[in-house]
Every structure is written in C-alpha cells, then in structure tokens.
C-alpha cells in the first residue's frame, strides 16, 4: 500500500514555523486514538524524536497504525474567527462530530 498524505501550503508553513521556533519540537506528530464522540480522534502533538514504527513526511511523523486510518488524507491549517487549528480531510471517515477531531470509519 502506498502511503500518501498531502499537506496544504498553510499546513507546511505552520509546521515549519513551530518546529523552527523550539528545539524540543523537532517533529509535528499526528496520531489516531480510540475515543471521542465518533469512535476515533485525531491527536496533534510535537516530539523531538521518532520511533521505529513512524513514517516521516518532512517535519511530520505518523505512526504506521494511524497512517493506515488516515492514508489519502489532506492536512490543512485553518485560521478562523474562533481560533487556529490543524484539520484533516480524511476520505475514509464515514462520519465526524461537530468539532472535526472525532470520526468513524
């Protein structure tokens, strides 16, 4: 299976900005955890190292299990009146909650 994740220019710029500002935030980490209102939830964090089970996309790491769930997704960074956030447009998600961080496949 080909591992494909697309990052918008806004997302790339924000990840680069954050990882360049702080040496303890070398990598932007995306993971999928069980929970949330719809079954799974996205988790965004920063890390200074990678694990054996990680796939690297420039400054972003995604563990292989999470990548199976979000493979084919587009990662964006949105700036809205209510705040700023990373957003994942996941074609495998069959439904999601109002906050956009919880979904089901």
N, C-alpha and C. Protein backbone atom coordinates (compact mmCIF):
# COMPACT_ATOMS: atom_id res chain seq x y z
N UNK A 1 0.83 -1.18 0.00
CA UNK A 1 0.00 0.00 0.00
C UNK A 1 0.88 1.25 0.00
N UNK A 2 0.59 2.16 -0.90
CA UNK A 2 1.35 3.41 -0.97
C UNK A 2 0.86 4.34 0.14
N UNK A 3 1.80 4.90 0.87
CA UNK A 3 1.47 5.83 1.95
C UNK A 3 1.45 7.24 1.38
N UNK A 4 0.25 7.84 1.35
CA UNK A 4 0.13 9.16 0.76
C UNK A 4 -0.64 10.08 1.71
N UNK A 5 -0.01 11.14 2.09
CA UNK A 5 -0.62 12.20 2.87
C UNK A 5 -0.24 13.50 2.17
N UNK A 6 -1.22 14.36 1.97
CA UNK A 6 -0.95 15.65 1.33
C UNK A 6 -1.06 16.76 2.38
N UNK A 7 -0.14 17.70 2.33
CA UNK A 7 -0.15 18.84 3.23
C UNK A 7 -0.38 20.10 2.40
N UNK A 8 -1.33 20.94 2.82
CA UNK A 8 -1.53 22.21 2.14
C UNK A 8 -0.33 23.12 2.44
N UNK A 9 -0.18 24.16 1.66
CA UNK A 9 0.91 25.11 1.90
C UNK A 9 0.78 25.76 3.26
N UNK A 10 -0.45 26.07 3.69
CA UNK A 10 -0.66 26.66 5.03
C UNK A 10 -0.18 25.72 6.12
N UNK A 11 -0.49 24.42 5.97
CA UNK A 11 -0.07 23.44 6.99
C UNK A 11 1.45 23.32 7.01
N UNK A 12 2.07 23.21 5.83
CA UNK A 12 3.54 23.11 5.77
C UNK A 12 4.20 24.31 6.43
N UNK A 13 3.67 25.49 6.14
CA UNK A 13 4.25 26.73 6.68
C UNK A 13 4.12 26.76 8.21
N UNK A 14 2.97 26.37 8.73
CA UNK A 14 2.76 26.39 10.18
C UNK A 14 3.62 25.35 10.89
N UNK A 15 3.73 24.16 10.31
CA UNK A 15 4.57 23.11 10.91
C UNK A 15 6.02 23.57 10.93
N UNK A 16 6.47 24.13 9.83
CA UNK A 16 7.85 24.61 9.74
C UNK A 16 8.11 25.73 10.76
N UNK A 17 7.16 26.64 10.89
CA UNK A 17 7.29 27.75 11.83
C UNK A 17 7.40 27.23 13.27
N UNK A 18 6.52 26.33 13.65
CA UNK A 18 6.52 25.83 15.03
C UNK A 18 7.77 25.00 15.32
N UNK A 19 8.16 24.13 14.40
CA UNK A 19 9.33 23.29 14.66
C UNK A 19 10.63 24.09 14.63
N UNK A 20 10.66 25.20 13.90
CA UNK A 20 11.86 26.03 13.85
C UNK A 20 12.01 26.90 15.10
N UNK A 21 10.89 27.23 15.74
CA UNK A 21 10.91 28.12 16.91
C UNK A 21 11.41 27.46 18.18
N UNK A 22 11.29 26.16 18.30
CA UNK A 22 11.58 25.49 19.56
C UNK A 22 12.30 24.18 19.28
N UNK A 23 13.48 24.01 19.83
CA UNK A 23 14.30 22.82 19.58
C UNK A 23 13.70 21.54 20.15
N UNK A 24 12.78 21.65 21.13
CA UNK A 24 12.13 20.45 21.67
C UNK A 24 10.91 20.05 20.84
N UNK A 25 10.62 20.80 19.79
CA UNK A 25 9.51 20.49 18.90
C UNK A 25 10.04 20.25 17.50
N UNK A 26 10.92 19.27 17.38
CA UNK A 26 11.57 18.98 16.10
C UNK A 26 10.59 18.41 15.08
N UNK A 27 9.61 17.61 15.55
CA UNK A 27 8.65 16.96 14.66
C UNK A 27 7.22 17.26 15.08
N UNK A 28 6.37 17.43 14.09
CA UNK A 28 4.93 17.51 14.30
C UNK A 28 4.41 16.09 14.22
N UNK A 29 3.72 15.63 15.24
CA UNK A 29 3.25 14.24 15.29
C UNK A 29 1.73 14.20 15.15
N UNK A 30 1.27 13.35 14.22
CA UNK A 30 -0.16 13.11 14.03
C UNK A 30 -0.42 11.66 14.40
N UNK A 31 -1.42 11.45 15.24
CA UNK A 31 -1.80 10.08 15.58
C UNK A 31 -3.31 9.98 15.67
N UNK A 32 -3.80 8.76 15.60
CA UNK A 32 -5.21 8.48 15.74
C UNK A 32 -5.38 7.61 16.98
N UNK A 33 -6.26 8.03 17.85
CA UNK A 33 -6.52 7.30 19.10
C UNK A 33 -7.98 6.87 19.14
N UNK A 34 -8.27 5.83 19.86
CA UNK A 34 -9.65 5.44 20.09
C UNK A 34 -10.28 6.42 21.05
N UNK A 35 -11.54 6.76 20.81
CA UNK A 35 -12.25 7.67 21.70
C UNK A 35 -12.95 8.78 20.94
N UNK A 36 -13.33 9.81 21.66
CA UNK A 36 -14.07 10.90 21.05
C UNK A 36 -15.52 10.51 20.86
N UNK A 37 -16.33 11.40 20.34
CA UNK A 37 -17.77 11.12 20.19
C UNK A 37 -18.08 10.16 19.05
N UNK A 38 -17.17 9.98 18.11
CA UNK A 38 -17.46 9.16 16.94
C UNK A 38 -16.62 7.89 16.82
N UNK A 39 -15.80 7.58 17.80
CA UNK A 39 -15.03 6.34 17.77
C UNK A 39 -13.53 6.52 17.72
N UNK A 40 -13.05 7.43 16.89
CA UNK A 40 -11.62 7.75 16.80
C UNK A 40 -11.45 9.26 16.94
N UNK A 41 -10.27 9.65 17.36
CA UNK A 41 -9.98 11.09 17.41
C UNK A 41 -8.55 11.33 16.94
N UNK A 42 -8.36 12.47 16.30
CA UNK A 42 -7.03 12.87 15.86
C UNK A 42 -6.29 13.49 17.03
N UNK A 43 -5.00 13.21 17.11
CA UNK A 43 -4.17 13.79 18.15
C UNK A 43 -2.99 14.48 17.48
N UNK A 44 -2.82 15.76 17.77
CA UNK A 44 -1.71 16.54 17.23
C UNK A 44 -0.78 16.90 18.38
N UNK A 45 0.51 16.61 18.22
CA UNK A 45 1.48 16.93 19.25
C UNK A 45 2.83 17.19 18.60
N UNK A 46 3.82 17.46 19.43
CA UNK A 46 5.18 17.67 18.93
C UNK A 46 6.12 16.73 19.65
N UNK A 47 7.18 16.36 18.98
CA UNK A 47 8.11 15.38 19.52
C UNK A 47 9.51 15.76 19.07
N UNK A 48 10.49 15.36 19.84
CA UNK A 48 11.88 15.63 19.49
C UNK A 48 12.56 14.41 18.89
N UNK A 49 11.84 13.29 18.80
CA UNK A 49 12.43 12.07 18.25
C UNK A 49 11.38 11.27 17.49
N UNK A 50 11.85 10.29 16.74
CA UNK A 50 10.95 9.39 16.02
C UNK A 50 11.10 7.98 16.61
N UNK A 51 10.12 7.16 16.34
CA UNK A 51 10.13 5.77 16.79
C UNK A 51 10.30 4.85 15.59
N UNK A 52 10.62 3.61 15.86
CA UNK A 52 10.80 2.61 14.80
C UNK A 52 9.52 2.45 13.96
N UNK A 53 8.38 2.67 14.56
CA UNK A 53 7.08 2.47 13.92
C UNK A 53 6.57 3.72 13.21
N UNK A 54 7.38 4.77 13.09
CA UNK A 54 6.96 6.04 12.50
C UNK A 54 7.31 6.13 11.02
N UNK A 55 6.47 6.84 10.29
CA UNK A 55 6.75 7.20 8.91
C UNK A 55 6.95 8.71 8.90
N UNK A 56 8.01 9.16 8.25
CA UNK A 56 8.38 10.57 8.26
C UNK A 56 7.94 11.25 6.96
N UNK A 57 7.26 12.37 7.10
CA UNK A 57 6.86 13.24 6.00
C UNK A 57 7.45 14.62 6.31
N UNK A 58 8.63 14.92 5.81
CA UNK A 58 9.34 16.16 6.14
C UNK A 58 9.46 16.30 7.65
N UNK A 59 8.82 17.30 8.25
CA UNK A 59 8.91 17.50 9.71
C UNK A 59 7.75 16.84 10.46
N UNK A 60 7.00 15.99 9.78
CA UNK A 60 5.84 15.37 10.40
C UNK A 60 6.04 13.86 10.53
N UNK A 61 5.68 13.30 11.67
CA UNK A 61 5.75 11.85 11.87
C UNK A 61 4.35 11.32 12.15
N UNK A 62 4.08 10.16 11.57
CA UNK A 62 2.81 9.47 11.78
C UNK A 62 3.13 8.00 12.01
N UNK A 63 2.62 7.44 13.09
CA UNK A 63 2.87 6.02 13.33
C UNK A 63 2.10 5.20 12.29
N UNK A 64 2.61 4.01 12.01
CA UNK A 64 2.06 3.19 10.93
C UNK A 64 0.59 2.83 11.13
N UNK A 65 0.18 2.56 12.36
CA UNK A 65 -1.23 2.22 12.61
C UNK A 65 -2.14 3.40 12.31
N UNK A 66 -1.73 4.60 12.73
CA UNK A 66 -2.52 5.80 12.44
C UNK A 66 -2.53 6.09 10.95
N UNK A 67 -1.40 5.86 10.30
CA UNK A 67 -1.30 6.14 8.87
C UNK A 67 -2.26 5.27 8.07
N UNK A 68 -2.48 4.03 8.51
CA UNK A 68 -3.44 3.17 7.81
C UNK A 68 -4.84 3.79 7.82
N UNK A 69 -5.18 4.48 8.90
CA UNK A 69 -6.51 5.08 9.04
C UNK A 69 -6.62 6.40 8.28
N UNK A 70 -5.54 7.17 8.21
CA UNK A 70 -5.63 8.49 7.56
C UNK A 70 -4.93 8.53 6.20
N UNK A 71 -4.50 7.39 5.70
CA UNK A 71 -3.85 7.35 4.39
C UNK A 71 -4.78 7.96 3.34
N UNK A 72 -4.26 8.83 2.50
CA UNK A 72 -5.04 9.50 1.47
C UNK A 72 -5.62 10.83 1.92
N UNK A 73 -5.34 11.25 3.14
CA UNK A 73 -5.91 12.48 3.70
C UNK A 73 -5.14 13.72 3.28
N UNK A 74 -5.80 14.86 3.45
CA UNK A 74 -5.18 16.17 3.25
C UNK A 74 -5.14 16.86 4.60
N UNK A 75 -3.94 17.31 4.99
CA UNK A 75 -3.74 18.02 6.25
C UNK A 75 -3.71 19.51 5.93
N UNK A 76 -4.54 20.28 6.63
CA UNK A 76 -4.61 21.72 6.41
C UNK A 76 -4.47 22.44 7.75
N UNK A 77 -4.17 23.72 7.68
CA UNK A 77 -4.14 24.57 8.87
C UNK A 77 -5.10 25.71 8.61
N UNK A 78 -6.12 25.82 9.45
CA UNK A 78 -7.17 26.82 9.25
C UNK A 78 -7.07 27.91 10.31
N UNK A 79 -7.26 29.13 9.84
CA UNK A 79 -7.33 30.28 10.73
C UNK A 79 -8.73 30.86 10.58
N UNK A 80 -9.49 30.78 11.67
CA UNK A 80 -10.86 31.26 11.67
C UNK A 80 -11.07 32.21 12.83
N UNK A 81 -12.22 32.85 12.86
CA UNK A 81 -12.50 33.79 13.95
C UNK A 81 -12.46 33.13 15.31
N UNK A 82 -12.82 31.85 15.37
CA UNK A 82 -12.87 31.17 16.67
C UNK A 82 -11.53 30.56 17.06
N UNK A 83 -10.53 30.62 16.18
CA UNK A 83 -9.21 30.10 16.52
C UNK A 83 -8.49 29.49 15.34
N UNK A 84 -7.34 28.93 15.62
CA UNK A 84 -6.49 28.29 14.62
C UNK A 84 -6.38 26.81 14.95
N UNK A 85 -6.34 25.97 13.90
CA UNK A 85 -6.20 24.54 14.17
C UNK A 85 -5.77 23.79 12.91
N UNK A 86 -5.16 22.63 13.14
CA UNK A 86 -4.89 21.71 12.06
C UNK A 86 -6.16 20.91 11.81
N UNK A 87 -6.43 20.64 10.54
CA UNK A 87 -7.64 19.93 10.14
C UNK A 87 -7.24 18.82 9.18
N UNK A 88 -7.86 17.65 9.34
CA UNK A 88 -7.60 16.53 8.45
C UNK A 88 -8.85 16.23 7.64
N UNK A 89 -8.71 16.28 6.33
CA UNK A 89 -9.79 15.88 5.43
C UNK A 89 -9.50 14.43 5.07
N UNK A 90 -10.19 13.51 5.75
CA UNK A 90 -9.94 12.08 5.63
C UNK A 90 -11.02 11.43 4.77
N UNK A 91 -10.67 10.95 3.58
CA UNK A 91 -11.68 10.33 2.72
C UNK A 91 -12.22 9.01 3.28
N UNK A 92 -11.54 8.42 4.25
CA UNK A 92 -12.00 7.17 4.86
C UNK A 92 -13.02 7.40 5.97
N UNK A 93 -13.15 8.64 6.45
CA UNK A 93 -14.07 8.94 7.54
C UNK A 93 -15.51 8.90 7.02
N UNK A 94 -16.32 8.04 7.61
CA UNK A 94 -17.71 7.93 7.17
C UNK A 94 -18.59 8.95 7.89
N UNK A 95 -18.16 9.42 9.06
CA UNK A 95 -18.87 10.46 9.78
C UNK A 95 -17.91 11.13 10.75
N UNK A 96 -18.26 12.32 11.17
CA UNK A 96 -17.44 13.03 12.15
C UNK A 96 -18.34 13.88 13.02
N UNK A 97 -17.78 14.31 14.15
CA UNK A 97 -18.56 15.14 15.06
C UNK A 97 -18.38 16.61 14.66
N UNK A 98 -19.07 17.48 15.32
CA UNK A 98 -19.04 18.90 15.00
C UNK A 98 -17.69 19.55 15.17
N UNK A 99 -16.87 19.06 16.09
CA UNK A 99 -15.56 19.69 16.31
C UNK A 99 -14.55 19.31 15.23
N UNK A 100 -14.82 18.24 14.48
CA UNK A 100 -13.93 17.82 13.42
C UNK A 100 -12.75 17.00 13.87
N UNK A 101 -12.62 16.76 15.17
CA UNK A 101 -11.48 15.98 15.67
C UNK A 101 -11.85 14.52 15.92
N UNK A 102 -13.13 14.22 15.93
CA UNK A 102 -13.57 12.86 16.19
C UNK A 102 -14.28 12.33 14.95
N UNK A 103 -14.07 11.05 14.63
CA UNK A 103 -14.62 10.50 13.40
C UNK A 103 -14.79 9.00 13.51
N UNK A 104 -15.49 8.44 12.54
CA UNK A 104 -15.61 6.98 12.44
C UNK A 104 -15.27 6.56 11.01
N UNK A 105 -14.84 5.33 10.84
CA UNK A 105 -14.51 4.80 9.51
C UNK A 105 -15.38 3.61 9.19
